[in-house]
C-alpha atoms as a PDB file:
ATOM      1  CA  VAL A   1      -8.533  -1.272   1.237  1.00  0.00           C
ATOM      2  CA  VAL A   2      -6.972   2.013   1.700  1.00  0.00           C
ATOM      3  CA  VAL A   3      -5.550   2.066  -1.656  1.00  0.00           C
ATOM      4  CA  GLN A   4      -8.765   1.011  -3.248  1.00  0.00           C
ATOM      5  CA  TRP A   5     -10.392   3.980  -1.929  1.00  0.00           C
ATOM      6  CA  ALA A   6      -8.076   6.145  -4.058  1.00  0.00           C
ATOM      7  CA  ASP A   7      -8.564   3.819  -7.005  1.00  0.00           C
ATOM      8  CA  LEU A   8     -12.475   4.194  -6.595  1.00  0.00           C
ATOM      9  CA  ILE A   9     -12.320   8.010  -6.174  1.00  0.00           C
ATOM     10  CA  ILE A  10     -10.046   8.470  -9.247  1.00  0.00           C
ATOM     11  CA  CYS A  11     -12.016   6.485 -11.501  1.00  0.00           C
ATOM     12  CA  LYS A  12     -15.015   8.510 -10.610  1.00  0.00           C
ATOM     13  CA  THR A  13     -14.487  11.177 -13.383  1.00  0.00           C
ATOM     14  CA  ARG A  14     -12.164  11.259 -16.613  1.00  0.00           C
ATOM     15  CA  LYS A  15     -11.234  15.045 -16.696  1.00  0.00           C
ATOM     16  CA  ASN A  16     -13.011  16.752 -14.091  1.00  0.00           C
ATOM     17  CA  SER A  17     -11.149  17.296 -10.863  1.00  0.00           C
ATOM     18  CA  ILE A  18     -12.782  15.576  -7.799  1.00  0.00           C
ATOM     19  CA  ILE A  19     -12.774  18.993  -5.976  1.00  0.00           C
ATOM     20  CA  HIS A  20     -15.207  20.203  -8.648  1.00  0.00           C
ATOM     21  CA  GLN A  21     -17.139  16.966  -9.115  1.00  0.00           C
ATOM     22  CA  LYS A  22     -17.756  16.225  -5.312  1.00  0.00           C
ATOM     23  CA  MET A  23     -18.796  13.187  -3.697  1.00  0.00           C
ATOM     24  CA  THR A  24     -22.665  13.076  -4.283  1.00  0.00           C
ATOM     25  CA  ASN A  25     -22.913   9.574  -5.699  1.00  0.00           C
ATOM     26  CA  LYS A  26     -24.625   7.822  -2.977  1.00  0.00           C
ATOM     27  CA  ALA A  27     -23.898   4.264  -4.460  1.00  0.00           C
ATOM     28  CA  LEU A  28     -20.040   5.026  -4.527  1.00  0.00           C
ATOM     29  CA  ASN A  29     -20.101   6.466  -1.040  1.00  0.00           C
ATOM     30  CA  PHE A  30     -22.053   3.362   0.175  1.00  0.00           C
ATOM     31  CA  GLY A  31     -19.588   1.164  -1.527  1.00  0.00           C
ATOM     32  CA  LEU A  32     -16.615   3.012   0.390  1.00  0.00           C
ATOM     33  CA  VAL A  33     -18.283   2.540   3.585  1.00  0.00           C
ATOM     34  CA  PHE A  34     -19.249  -1.103   3.109  1.00  0.00           C
ATOM     35  CA  GLU A  35     -15.825  -2.188   1.742  1.00  0.00           C
ATOM     36  CA  THR A  36     -14.254  -0.685   4.995  1.00  0.00           C
ATOM     37  CA  ALA A  37     -16.700  -2.201   7.182  1.00  0.00           C
ATOM     38  CA  LEU A  38     -16.387  -5.638   5.631  1.00  0.00           C
ATOM     39  CA  ALA A  39     -12.555  -5.400   5.933  1.00  0.00           C
ATOM     40  CA  VAL A  40     -12.940  -4.456   9.693  1.00  0.00           C
ATOM     41  CA  LEU A  41     -15.422  -7.173  10.219  1.00  0.00           C
ATOM     42  CA  LEU A  42     -13.250  -9.819   8.825  1.00  0.00           C
ATOM     43  CA  CYS A  43     -10.033  -8.618  10.537  1.00  0.00           C
ATOM     44  CA  TYR A  44     -11.417  -7.924  14.019  1.00  0.00           C
ATOM     45  CA  THR A  45     -14.340 -10.196  14.679  1.00  0.00           C
ATOM     46  CA  PRO A  46     -13.292 -12.813  17.189  1.00  0.00           C
ATOM     47  CA  GLY A  47     -13.264 -16.372  15.989  1.00  0.00           C
ATOM     48  CA  LEU A  48     -13.615 -15.310  12.346  1.00  0.00           C
ATOM     49  CA  SER A  49      -9.808 -14.943  11.928  1.00  0.00           C
ATOM     50  CA  THR A  50      -9.602 -18.609  12.949  1.00  0.00           C
ATOM     51  CA  GLY A  51     -12.142 -19.800  10.673  1.00  0.00           C
ATOM     52  CA  LEU A  52     -10.722 -18.013   7.593  1.00  0.00           C
ATOM     53  CA  ARG A  53      -7.071 -18.664   8.823  1.00  0.00           C
ATOM     54  CA  MET A  54      -6.178 -14.963   9.050  1.00  0.00           C
ATOM     55  CA  GLN A  55      -3.887 -13.389  11.443  1.00  0.00           C
ATOM     56  CA  PRO A  56      -5.622 -10.416  13.313  1.00  0.00           C
ATOM     57  CA  LEU A  57      -4.150  -7.108  12.123  1.00  0.00           C
ATOM     58  CA  ARG A  58      -2.785  -4.430  14.439  1.00  0.00           C
ATOM     59  CA  PHE A  59      -4.445  -1.176  13.824  1.00  0.00           C
ATOM     60  CA  ALA A  60      -1.186   0.557  12.830  1.00  0.00           C
ATOM     61  CA  TRP A  61      -0.963  -1.779   9.948  1.00  0.00           C
ATOM     62  CA  TRP A  62      -3.671  -0.001   7.999  1.00  0.00           C
ATOM     63  CA  PHE A  63      -1.492   3.276   7.866  1.00  0.00           C
ATOM     64  CA  PRO A  64       1.358   2.266   5.577  1.00  0.00           C
ATOM     65  CA  ALA A  65      -0.905   2.397   2.683  1.00  0.00           C
ATOM     66  CA  ILE A  66      -2.042   5.857   3.157  1.00  0.00           C
ATOM     67  CA  PRO A  67       1.036   7.420   1.457  1.00  0.00           C
ATOM     68  CA  PHE A  68       0.509   5.278  -1.514  1.00  0.00           C
ATOM     69  CA  SER A  69      -3.221   6.165  -1.714  1.00  0.00           C
ATOM     70  CA  LEU A  70      -2.155  10.058  -1.574  1.00  0.00           C
ATOM     71  CA  LEU A  71       0.273   9.447  -4.464  1.00  0.00           C
ATOM     72  CA  ILE A  72      -2.171   7.717  -6.521  1.00  0.00           C
ATOM     73  CA  PHE A  73      -4.726  10.445  -6.079  1.00  0.00           C
ATOM     74  CA  VAL A  74      -2.314  13.433  -6.708  1.00  0.00           C
ATOM     75  CA  TYR A  75      -0.794  11.743  -9.542  1.00  0.00           C
ATOM     76  CA  ASP A  76      -4.311  11.460 -11.267  1.00  0.00           C
ATOM     77  CA  GLU A  77      -5.390  15.040 -10.403  1.00  0.00           C
ATOM     78  CA  CYS A  78      -2.030  16.162 -12.139  1.00  0.00           C
ATOM     79  CA  ARG A  79      -2.830  14.028 -14.947  1.00  0.00           C
ATOM     80  CA  ARG A  80      -6.249  15.417 -15.315  1.00  0.00           C
ATOM     81  CA  TYR A  81      -5.085  18.954 -15.076  1.00  0.00           C
ATOM     82  CA  ILE A  82      -2.714  18.521 -17.857  1.00  0.00           C
ATOM     83  CA  ILE A  83      -5.353  16.999 -20.111  1.00  0.00           C
ATOM     84  CA  ARG A  84      -7.731  19.742 -19.310  1.00  0.00           C
ATOM     85  CA  ARG A  85      -4.859  22.291 -20.186  1.00  0.00           C
ATOM     86  CA  HIS A  86      -3.690  20.609 -23.254  1.00  0.00           C
ATOM     87  CA  PRO A  87      -6.366  18.723 -25.027  1.00  0.00           C
ATOM     88  CA  GLY A  88      -5.242  16.067 -27.563  1.00  0.00           C
ATOM     89  CA  CYS A  89      -1.777  16.100 -25.886  1.00  0.00           C
ATOM     90  CA  TRP A  90       0.370  12.770 -25.695  1.00  0.00           C
ATOM     91  CA  LEU A  91      -0.679  12.379 -22.054  1.00  0.00           C
ATOM     92  CA  GLU A  92      -4.302  12.180 -23.129  1.00  0.00           C
ATOM     93  CA  GLN A  93      -3.932   9.902 -25.844  1.00  0.00           C
ATOM     94  CA  GLU A  94      -1.639   7.480 -23.806  1.00  0.00           C
ATOM     95  CA  THR A  95      -3.709   7.717 -20.574  1.00  0.00           C
ATOM     96  CA  TYR A  96      -7.269   8.510 -21.273  1.00  0.00           C
ATOM     97  CA  TYR A  97      -9.653   5.641 -21.174  1.00  0.00           C
END
């Protein structure tokens, strides 16, 4: 869930930095909150973990994914910066969707 936050945010724009684009898309923001709320509901609702055969998660187990999420975000911001500075470069040809 934590890494999916970064994936969703980096897919928001192709070339613009998220700093300039802002987070004004209400549907996207709702999706982030809904995904998080659903994951929390599934993990911490008593009895639901037994019915779905899941083991309850400790709260601290959510944190190891944060560095990977930050790495994805920083990588994509650097990629966008290079694409904006050098249009048509190799990086744009290989990674621009």
